[in-house]
């Protein structure tokens, strides 16, 4: 899709962005507001207890950043009113069902979902990585299926997925097809949630410190990766 057609496509659209406090989410938000000010509305899903807290996070951790300096200069005195009109902080969390969203009217408004919420810590605890990077995506997809006007669901897996390769890299679905075929042989979500719960309960019963729990859950993630990789590619 050419740049001009992308701008035309975004005109009048209502978008939901997850991961808005991350570097990619912030760049995405700023770019759309700057080059396509006629976007209808952008909802930012932010971890917060209520709308007031979510709005405060948005202003402090996103809109107040240096990244928005050019847009502020471009909009001038109407910057604040422009942001108020176009951007809405939506309290929620990708680790919760329905993304933790309580405002049901958004289901009838959202046309595009840009899902880039993730933990990018390469040494993350397994339970946290699983909740955000795996089940978080499932929650986002389930949410999308309830959006009556949805036109596009765009998921960003990781900024590092291409490694050191350059140029245009097309997706190879062959390995994914095989992975899906193997994954259907067991209930991944149920199995992994059960294993994580058992491991955490075991550690708590032992009176393990926070540091021990953290290190153990990191190692457990590597253990589960090797087991699942063997299941998919060796069976």
C-alpha atoms as a PDB file:
ATOM      1  CA  UNK A   1       0.000   0.000   0.000  1.00  0.00           C
ATOM      2  CA  UNK A   2       1.468   3.378  -1.085  1.00  0.00           C
ATOM      3  CA  UNK A   3       1.841   6.220   1.432  1.00  0.00           C
ATOM      4  CA  UNK A   4      -0.934   8.293  -0.137  1.00  0.00           C
ATOM      5  CA  UNK A   5      -3.393   5.409  -0.076  1.00  0.00           C
ATOM      6  CA  UNK A   6      -2.489   4.649   3.549  1.00  0.00           C
ATOM      7  CA  UNK A   7      -3.294   8.243   4.505  1.00  0.00           C
ATOM      8  CA  UNK A   8      -6.624   8.056   2.657  1.00  0.00           C
ATOM      9  CA  UNK A   9      -7.404   4.748   4.355  1.00  0.00           C
ATOM     10  CA  UNK A  10      -6.765   6.175   7.835  1.00  0.00           C
ATOM     11  CA  UNK A  11      -8.990   9.200   7.281  1.00  0.00           C
ATOM     12  CA  UNK A  12     -12.049   9.046   9.513  1.00  0.00           C
ATOM     13  CA  UNK A  13     -10.966   5.787  11.138  1.00  0.00           C
ATOM     14  CA  UNK A  14     -11.190   4.872  14.829  1.00  0.00           C
ATOM     15  CA  UNK A  15      -8.122   2.981  16.034  1.00  0.00           C
ATOM     16  CA  UNK A  16      -7.235   1.043  19.167  1.00  0.00           C
ATOM     17  CA  UNK A  17      -3.535   0.965  20.079  1.00  0.00           C
ATOM     18  CA  UNK A  18      -2.113  -1.395  22.688  1.00  0.00           C
ATOM     19  CA  UNK A  19       1.441  -0.910  23.946  1.00  0.00           C
ATOM     20  CA  UNK A  20       1.167   2.865  23.574  1.00  0.00           C
ATOM     21  CA  UNK A  21       3.842   3.544  26.206  1.00  0.00           C
ATOM     22  CA  UNK A  22       6.380   1.468  24.265  1.00  0.00           C
ATOM     23  CA  UNK A  23       8.716   3.034  21.700  1.00  0.00           C
ATOM     24  CA  UNK A  24       6.876   1.556  18.701  1.00  0.00           C
ATOM     25  CA  UNK A  25       3.412   2.447  19.986  1.00  0.00           C
ATOM     26  CA  UNK A  26       4.435   6.035  20.680  1.00  0.00           C
ATOM     27  CA  UNK A  27       6.030   6.470  17.246  1.00  0.00           C
ATOM     28  CA  UNK A  28       2.909   5.013  15.604  1.00  0.00           C
ATOM     29  CA  UNK A  29       0.638   7.407  17.509  1.00  0.00           C
ATOM     30  CA  UNK A  30       2.732  10.498  16.815  1.00  0.00           C
ATOM     31  CA  UNK A  31       3.107   9.702  13.117  1.00  0.00           C
ATOM     32  CA  UNK A  32      -0.633   9.230  12.551  1.00  0.00           C
ATOM     33  CA  UNK A  33      -1.549  12.407  14.416  1.00  0.00           C
ATOM     34  CA  UNK A  34       1.050  14.373  12.471  1.00  0.00           C
ATOM     35  CA  UNK A  35       0.476  13.092   8.920  1.00  0.00           C
ATOM     36  CA  UNK A  36      -3.229  12.206   9.105  1.00  0.00           C
ATOM     37  CA  UNK A  37      -4.925  14.650  11.500  1.00  0.00           C
ATOM     38  CA  UNK A  38      -8.285  13.661  10.034  1.00  0.00           C
ATOM     39  CA  UNK A  39      -8.180  10.300  11.778  1.00  0.00           C
ATOM     40  CA  UNK A  40     -11.424  10.141  13.773  1.00  0.00           C
ATOM     41  CA  UNK A  41     -10.202   8.832  17.108  1.00  0.00           C
ATOM     42  CA  UNK A  42      -7.350   6.837  18.652  1.00  0.00           C
ATOM     43  CA  UNK A  43      -7.960   4.810  21.791  1.00  0.00           C
ATOM     44  CA  UNK A  44      -4.827   4.059  23.835  1.00  0.00           C
ATOM     45  CA  UNK A  45      -5.140   0.987  26.054  1.00  0.00           C
ATOM     46  CA  UNK A  46      -3.210   1.761  29.239  1.00  0.00           C
ATOM     47  CA  UNK A  47      -2.802  -0.138  32.508  1.00  0.00           C
ATOM     48  CA  UNK A  48      -4.745   1.962  34.997  1.00  0.00           C
ATOM     49  CA  UNK A  49      -7.550   1.610  37.535  1.00  0.00           C
ATOM     50  CA  UNK A  50      -9.809   4.173  35.870  1.00  0.00           C
ATOM     51  CA  UNK A  51     -10.058   6.716  33.054  1.00  0.00           C
ATOM     52  CA  UNK A  52      -8.610   9.530  35.164  1.00  0.00           C
ATOM     53  CA  UNK A  53      -5.499   7.479  35.994  1.00  0.00           C
ATOM     54  CA  UNK A  54      -5.173   6.300  32.377  1.00  0.00           C
ATOM     55  CA  UNK A  55      -5.372   9.901  31.113  1.00  0.00           C
ATOM     56  CA  UNK A  56      -2.693  10.966  33.580  1.00  0.00           C
ATOM     57  CA  UNK A  57      -0.418   8.148  32.362  1.00  0.00           C
ATOM     58  CA  UNK A  58      -1.062   9.150  28.763  1.00  0.00           C
ATOM     59  CA  UNK A  59      -0.153  12.792  29.362  1.00  0.00           C
ATOM     60  CA  UNK A  60       2.917  12.026  31.478  1.00  0.00           C
ATOM     61  CA  UNK A  61       4.352   8.987  29.693  1.00  0.00           C
ATOM     62  CA  UNK A  62       3.328   9.590  26.086  1.00  0.00           C
ATOM     63  CA  UNK A  63       2.049  13.028  25.033  1.00  0.00           C
ATOM     64  CA  UNK A  64       4.528  14.829  27.278  1.00  0.00           C
ATOM     65  CA  UNK A  65       7.546  13.194  25.642  1.00  0.00           C
ATOM     66  CA  UNK A  66      10.045  14.992  23.389  1.00  0.00           C
ATOM     67  CA  UNK A  67       8.800  12.822  20.499  1.00  0.00           C
ATOM     68  CA  UNK A  68       5.710  15.058  20.251  1.00  0.00           C
ATOM     69  CA  UNK A  69       7.672  18.323  20.010  1.00  0.00           C
ATOM     70  CA  UNK A  70       7.253  18.610  16.223  1.00  0.00           C
ATOM     71  CA  UNK A  71       3.521  17.981  16.456  1.00  0.00           C
ATOM     72  CA  UNK A  72       3.221  20.592  19.224  1.00  0.00           C
ATOM     73  CA  UNK A  73       5.016  23.141  17.052  1.00  0.00           C
ATOM     74  CA  UNK A  74       2.859  22.234  14.069  1.00  0.00           C
ATOM     75  CA  UNK A  75      -0.456  22.491  15.946  1.00  0.00           C
ATOM     76  CA  UNK A  76       0.535  25.513  18.023  1.00  0.00           C
ATOM     77  CA  UNK A  77      -2.041  26.825  20.472  1.00  0.00           C
ATOM     78  CA  UNK A  78      -4.631  24.191  19.568  1.00  0.00           C
ATOM     79  CA  UNK A  79      -2.369  21.223  20.437  1.00  0.00           C
ATOM     80  CA  UNK A  80      -4.135  20.379  23.704  1.00  0.00           C
ATOM     81  CA  UNK A  81      -7.626  20.623  22.202  1.00  0.00           C
ATOM     82  CA  UNK A  82      -6.480  18.553  19.204  1.00  0.00           C
ATOM     83  CA  UNK A  83      -5.194  15.780  21.489  1.00  0.00           C
ATOM     84  CA  UNK A  84      -8.371  15.891  23.578  1.00  0.00           C
ATOM     85  CA  UNK A  85     -10.466  15.515  20.444  1.00  0.00           C
ATOM     86  CA  UNK A  86      -8.433  12.750  18.811  1.00  0.00           C
ATOM     87  CA  UNK A  87      -6.870  10.650  21.593  1.00  0.00           C
ATOM     88  CA  UNK A  88      -8.690   8.800  24.366  1.00  0.00           C
ATOM     89  CA  UNK A  89      -6.989   6.956  27.234  1.00  0.00           C
ATOM     90  CA  UNK A  90      -8.737   3.624  27.749  1.00  0.00           C
ATOM     91  CA  UNK A  91      -8.031   1.824  31.053  1.00  0.00           C
ATOM     92  CA  UNK A  92      -7.328  -1.867  30.564  1.00  0.00           C
ATOM     93  CA  UNK A  93      -4.686  -4.570  30.345  1.00  0.00           C
ATOM     94  CA  UNK A  94      -3.842  -7.127  27.644  1.00  0.00           C
ATOM     95  CA  UNK A  95      -3.400  -9.786  30.332  1.00  0.00           C
ATOM     96  CA  UNK A  96      -7.128  -9.572  31.142  1.00  0.00           C
ATOM     97  CA  UNK A  97     -10.084 -11.003  29.229  1.00  0.00           C
ATOM     98  CA  UNK A  98     -11.680  -8.393  26.942  1.00  0.00           C
ATOM     99  CA  UNK A  99      -8.438  -6.450  27.526  1.00  0.00           C
ATOM    100  CA  UNK A 100      -9.980  -5.334  30.821  1.00  0.00           C
ATOM    101  CA  UNK A 101     -12.140  -2.832  28.902  1.00  0.00           C
ATOM    102  CA  UNK A 102     -15.378  -1.872  30.652  1.00  0.00           C
ATOM    103  CA  UNK A 103     -16.555   0.756  28.156  1.00  0.00           C
ATOM    104  CA  UNK A 104     -18.691  -1.463  25.894  1.00  0.00           C
ATOM    105  CA  UNK A 105     -19.458   1.275  23.347  1.00  0.00           C
ATOM    106  CA  UNK A 106     -15.962   0.959  21.898  1.00  0.00           C
ATOM    107  CA  UNK A 107     -16.967  -2.391  20.370  1.00  0.00           C
ATOM    108  CA  UNK A 108     -19.149  -0.447  17.934  1.00  0.00           C
ATOM    109  CA  UNK A 109     -16.519   2.179  17.148  1.00  0.00           C
ATOM    110  CA  UNK A 110     -13.144   0.521  16.642  1.00  0.00           C
ATOM    111  CA  UNK A 111     -12.193  -0.183  13.006  1.00  0.00           C
ATOM    112  CA  UNK A 112      -8.464  -0.837  13.325  1.00  0.00           C
ATOM    113  CA  UNK A 113      -6.508  -2.542  16.106  1.00  0.00           C
ATOM    114  CA  UNK A 114      -2.747  -2.001  16.299  1.00  0.00           C
ATOM    115  CA  UNK A 115      -1.485  -4.543  18.831  1.00  0.00           C
ATOM    116  CA  UNK A 116       2.107  -3.949  19.912  1.00  0.00           C
ATOM    117  CA  UNK A 117       1.830  -4.539  23.660  1.00  0.00           C
ATOM    118  CA  UNK A 118       4.649  -6.810  24.807  1.00  0.00           C
ATOM    119  CA  UNK A 119       7.450  -7.321  27.255  1.00  0.00           C
ATOM    120  CA  UNK A 120      10.697  -6.952  25.335  1.00  0.00           C
ATOM    121  CA  UNK A 121      12.867  -8.188  28.180  1.00  0.00           C
ATOM    122  CA  UNK A 122      14.805 -11.121  26.682  1.00  0.00           C
ATOM    123  CA  UNK A 123      15.369 -12.474  30.196  1.00  0.00           C
ATOM    124  CA  UNK A 124      11.761 -12.254  31.388  1.00  0.00           C
ATOM    125  CA  UNK A 125      10.049 -14.555  33.872  1.00  0.00           C
ATOM    126  CA  UNK A 126       8.061 -17.241  32.056  1.00  0.00           C
ATOM    127  CA  UNK A 127       4.766 -16.435  33.783  1.00  0.00           C
ATOM    128  CA  UNK A 128       5.010 -12.742  32.879  1.00  0.00           C
ATOM    129  CA  UNK A 129       6.139 -13.335  29.282  1.00  0.00           C
ATOM    130  CA  UNK A 130       3.390 -15.920  28.810  1.00  0.00           C
ATOM    131  CA  UNK A 131       0.702 -13.596  30.180  1.00  0.00           C
ATOM    132  CA  UNK A 132       1.700 -10.616  28.031  1.00  0.00           C
ATOM    133  CA  UNK A 133       3.285 -11.950  24.840  1.00  0.00           C
ATOM    134  CA  UNK A 134       1.162 -15.060  24.329  1.00  0.00           C
ATOM    135  CA  UNK A 135      -2.149 -14.853  26.153  1.00  0.00           C
ATOM    136  CA  UNK A 136      -2.198 -11.087  25.673  1.00  0.00           C
ATOM    137  CA  UNK A 137      -2.374 -11.662  21.921  1.00  0.00           C
ATOM    138  CA  UNK A 138      -5.213 -14.157  22.372  1.00  0.00           C
ATOM    139  CA  UNK A 139      -7.109 -11.608  24.462  1.00  0.00           C
ATOM    140  CA  UNK A 140      -6.568  -8.975  21.765  1.00  0.00           C
ATOM    141  CA  UNK A 141      -7.891 -11.340  19.076  1.00  0.00           C
ATOM    142  CA  UNK A 142     -10.935 -12.242  21.188  1.00  0.00           C
ATOM    143  CA  UNK A 143     -11.576  -8.531  21.701  1.00  0.00           C
ATOM    144  CA  UNK A 144     -11.251  -7.900  17.969  1.00  0.00           C
ATOM    145  CA  UNK A 145     -13.867 -10.548  17.185  1.00  0.00           C
ATOM    146  CA  UNK A 146     -16.391  -8.534  19.213  1.00  0.00           C
ATOM    147  CA  UNK A 147     -15.755  -5.294  17.301  1.00  0.00           C
ATOM    148  CA  UNK A 148     -18.648  -5.025  14.842  1.00  0.00           C
ATOM    149  CA  UNK A 149     -16.922  -2.514  12.532  1.00  0.00           C
ATOM    150  CA  UNK A 150     -13.414  -4.002  12.594  1.00  0.00           C
ATOM    151  CA  UNK A 151     -11.602  -3.660   9.280  1.00  0.00           C
ATOM    152  CA  UNK A 152      -8.016  -4.517  10.246  1.00  0.00           C
ATOM    153  CA  UNK A 153      -6.137  -6.283  13.023  1.00  0.00           C
ATOM    154  CA  UNK A 154      -2.417  -5.514  12.883  1.00  0.00           C
ATOM    155  CA  UNK A 155      -0.179  -7.459  15.259  1.00  0.00           C
ATOM    156  CA  UNK A 156       3.491  -6.621  15.774  1.00  0.00           C
ATOM    157  CA  UNK A 157       5.349  -9.591  17.221  1.00  0.00           C
ATOM    158  CA  UNK A 158       8.783  -8.102  17.958  1.00  0.00           C
ATOM    159  CA  UNK A 159      11.086  -5.463  16.537  1.00  0.00           C
ATOM    160  CA  UNK A 160      13.897  -8.039  16.553  1.00  0.00           C
ATOM    161  CA  UNK A 161      12.163 -10.828  14.627  1.00  0.00           C
ATOM    162  CA  UNK A 162      14.324 -10.309  11.535  1.00  0.00           C
ATOM    163  CA  UNK A 163      17.626 -10.581  13.391  1.00  0.00           C
ATOM    164  CA  UNK A 164      20.446  -9.048  11.360  1.00  0.00           C
ATOM    165  CA  UNK A 165      18.816  -9.651   7.987  1.00  0.00           C
ATOM    166  CA  UNK A 166      18.065  -6.639   5.804  1.00  0.00           C
ATOM    167  CA  UNK A 167      15.835  -5.691   2.895  1.00  0.00           C
ATOM    168  CA  UNK A 168      12.323  -6.919   2.146  1.00  0.00           C
ATOM    169  CA  UNK A 169      11.659 -10.106   4.104  1.00  0.00           C
ATOM    170  CA  UNK A 170       8.519 -12.011   3.206  1.00  0.00           C
ATOM    171  CA  UNK A 171       6.815 -14.318   5.695  1.00  0.00           C
ATOM    172  CA  UNK A 172       7.271 -18.040   5.237  1.00  0.00           C
ATOM    173  CA  UNK A 173       4.062 -19.717   6.334  1.00  0.00           C
ATOM    174  CA  UNK A 174       5.385 -23.277   5.962  1.00  0.00           C
ATOM    175  CA  UNK A 175       6.943 -23.453   9.426  1.00  0.00           C
ATOM    176  CA  UNK A 176       3.891 -21.770  10.949  1.00  0.00           C
ATOM    177  CA  UNK A 177       1.571 -24.286   9.285  1.00  0.00           C
ATOM    178  CA  UNK A 178       3.543 -27.148  10.811  1.00  0.00           C
ATOM    179  CA  UNK A 179       3.579 -25.447  14.214  1.00  0.00           C
ATOM    180  CA  UNK A 180      -0.196 -24.992  14.181  1.00  0.00           C
ATOM    181  CA  UNK A 181      -0.663 -28.623  13.171  1.00  0.00           C
ATOM    182  CA  UNK A 182       1.403 -29.808  16.138  1.00  0.00           C
ATOM    183  CA  UNK A 183      -0.031 -27.296  18.607  1.00  0.00           C
ATOM    184  CA  UNK A 184      -3.572 -28.554  18.000  1.00  0.00           C
ATOM    185  CA  UNK A 185      -2.523 -31.880  19.551  1.00  0.00           C
ATOM    186  CA  UNK A 186      -2.711 -30.356  23.033  1.00  0.00           C
ATOM    187  CA  UNK A 187      -4.374 -27.399  24.738  1.00  0.00           C
ATOM    188  CA  UNK A 188      -1.409 -25.053  24.992  1.00  0.00           C
ATOM    189  CA  UNK A 189      -3.190 -22.404  27.063  1.00  0.00           C
ATOM    190  CA  UNK A 190      -4.620 -24.852  29.614  1.00  0.00           C
ATOM    191  CA  UNK A 191      -1.394 -26.864  29.910  1.00  0.00           C
ATOM    192  CA  UNK A 192       0.941 -23.894  30.318  1.00  0.00           C
ATOM    193  CA  UNK A 193      -1.312 -22.057  32.766  1.00  0.00           C
ATOM    194  CA  UNK A 194      -1.545 -25.216  34.863  1.00  0.00           C
ATOM    195  CA  UNK A 195       2.229 -25.756  34.840  1.00  0.00           C
ATOM    196  CA  UNK A 196       2.938 -22.127  35.744  1.00  0.00           C
ATOM    197  CA  UNK A 197       0.424 -22.207  38.597  1.00  0.00           C
ATOM    198  CA  UNK A 198       1.892 -25.452  39.964  1.00  0.00           C
ATOM    199  CA  UNK A 199       5.439 -24.105  39.781  1.00  0.00           C
ATOM    200  CA  UNK A 200       4.532 -20.848  41.554  1.00  0.00           C
ATOM    201  CA  UNK A 201       2.575 -22.693  44.242  1.00  0.00           C
ATOM    202  CA  UNK A 202       5.543 -25.008  44.773  1.00  0.00           C
ATOM    203  CA  UNK A 203       7.916 -22.075  45.207  1.00  0.00           C
ATOM    204  CA  UNK A 204       5.575 -20.258  47.580  1.00  0.00           C
ATOM    205  CA  UNK A 205       5.120 -23.427  49.668  1.00  0.00           C
ATOM    206  CA  UNK A 206       8.901 -23.559  50.000  1.00  0.00           C
ATOM    207  CA  UNK A 207       8.948 -19.976  51.233  1.00  0.00           C
ATOM    208  CA  UNK A 208      11.160 -18.945  48.299  1.00  0.00           C
ATOM    209  CA  UNK A 209      12.289 -15.321  48.153  1.00  0.00           C
ATOM    210  CA  UNK A 210      11.260 -12.985  45.339  1.00  0.00           C
ATOM    211  CA  UNK A 211      14.727 -13.310  43.817  1.00  0.00           C
ATOM    212  CA  UNK A 212      14.587 -17.128  43.861  1.00  0.00           C
ATOM    213  CA  UNK A 213      11.095 -17.116  42.327  1.00  0.00           C
ATOM    214  CA  UNK A 214      12.216 -14.730  39.597  1.00  0.00           C
ATOM    215  CA  UNK A 215      15.312 -16.763  38.684  1.00  0.00           C
ATOM    216  CA  UNK A 216      13.427 -20.064  38.840  1.00  0.00           C
ATOM    217  CA  UNK A 217      10.650 -18.799  36.574  1.00  0.00           C
ATOM    218  CA  UNK A 218      13.222 -17.546  34.072  1.00  0.00           C
ATOM    219  CA  UNK A 219      14.838 -20.992  33.968  1.00  0.00           C
ATOM    220  CA  UNK A 220      11.410 -22.606  33.766  1.00  0.00           C
ATOM    221  CA  UNK A 221      10.706 -20.572  30.621  1.00  0.00           C
ATOM    222  CA  UNK A 222      13.793 -21.987  28.924  1.00  0.00           C
ATOM    223  CA  UNK A 223      12.798 -25.483  30.014  1.00  0.00           C
ATOM    224  CA  UNK A 224       9.288 -25.079  28.581  1.00  0.00           C
ATOM    225  CA  UNK A 225      10.639 -23.621  25.331  1.00  0.00           C
ATOM    226  CA  UNK A 226      12.872 -26.633  24.775  1.00  0.00           C
ATOM    227  CA  UNK A 227      10.026 -29.037  25.567  1.00  0.00           C
ATOM    228  CA  UNK A 228       7.553 -27.309  23.240  1.00  0.00           C
ATOM    229  CA  UNK A 229      10.167 -26.936  20.486  1.00  0.00           C
ATOM    230  CA  UNK A 230      10.838 -30.691  20.652  1.00  0.00           C
ATOM    231  CA  UNK A 231       7.108 -31.442  20.568  1.00  0.00           C
ATOM    232  CA  UNK A 232       6.570 -29.296  17.466  1.00  0.00           C
ATOM    233  CA  UNK A 233       9.622 -30.065  15.369  1.00  0.00           C
ATOM    234  CA  UNK A 234      10.662 -33.570  16.409  1.00  0.00           C
ATOM    235  CA  UNK A 235       7.368 -35.470  16.641  1.00  0.00           C
END
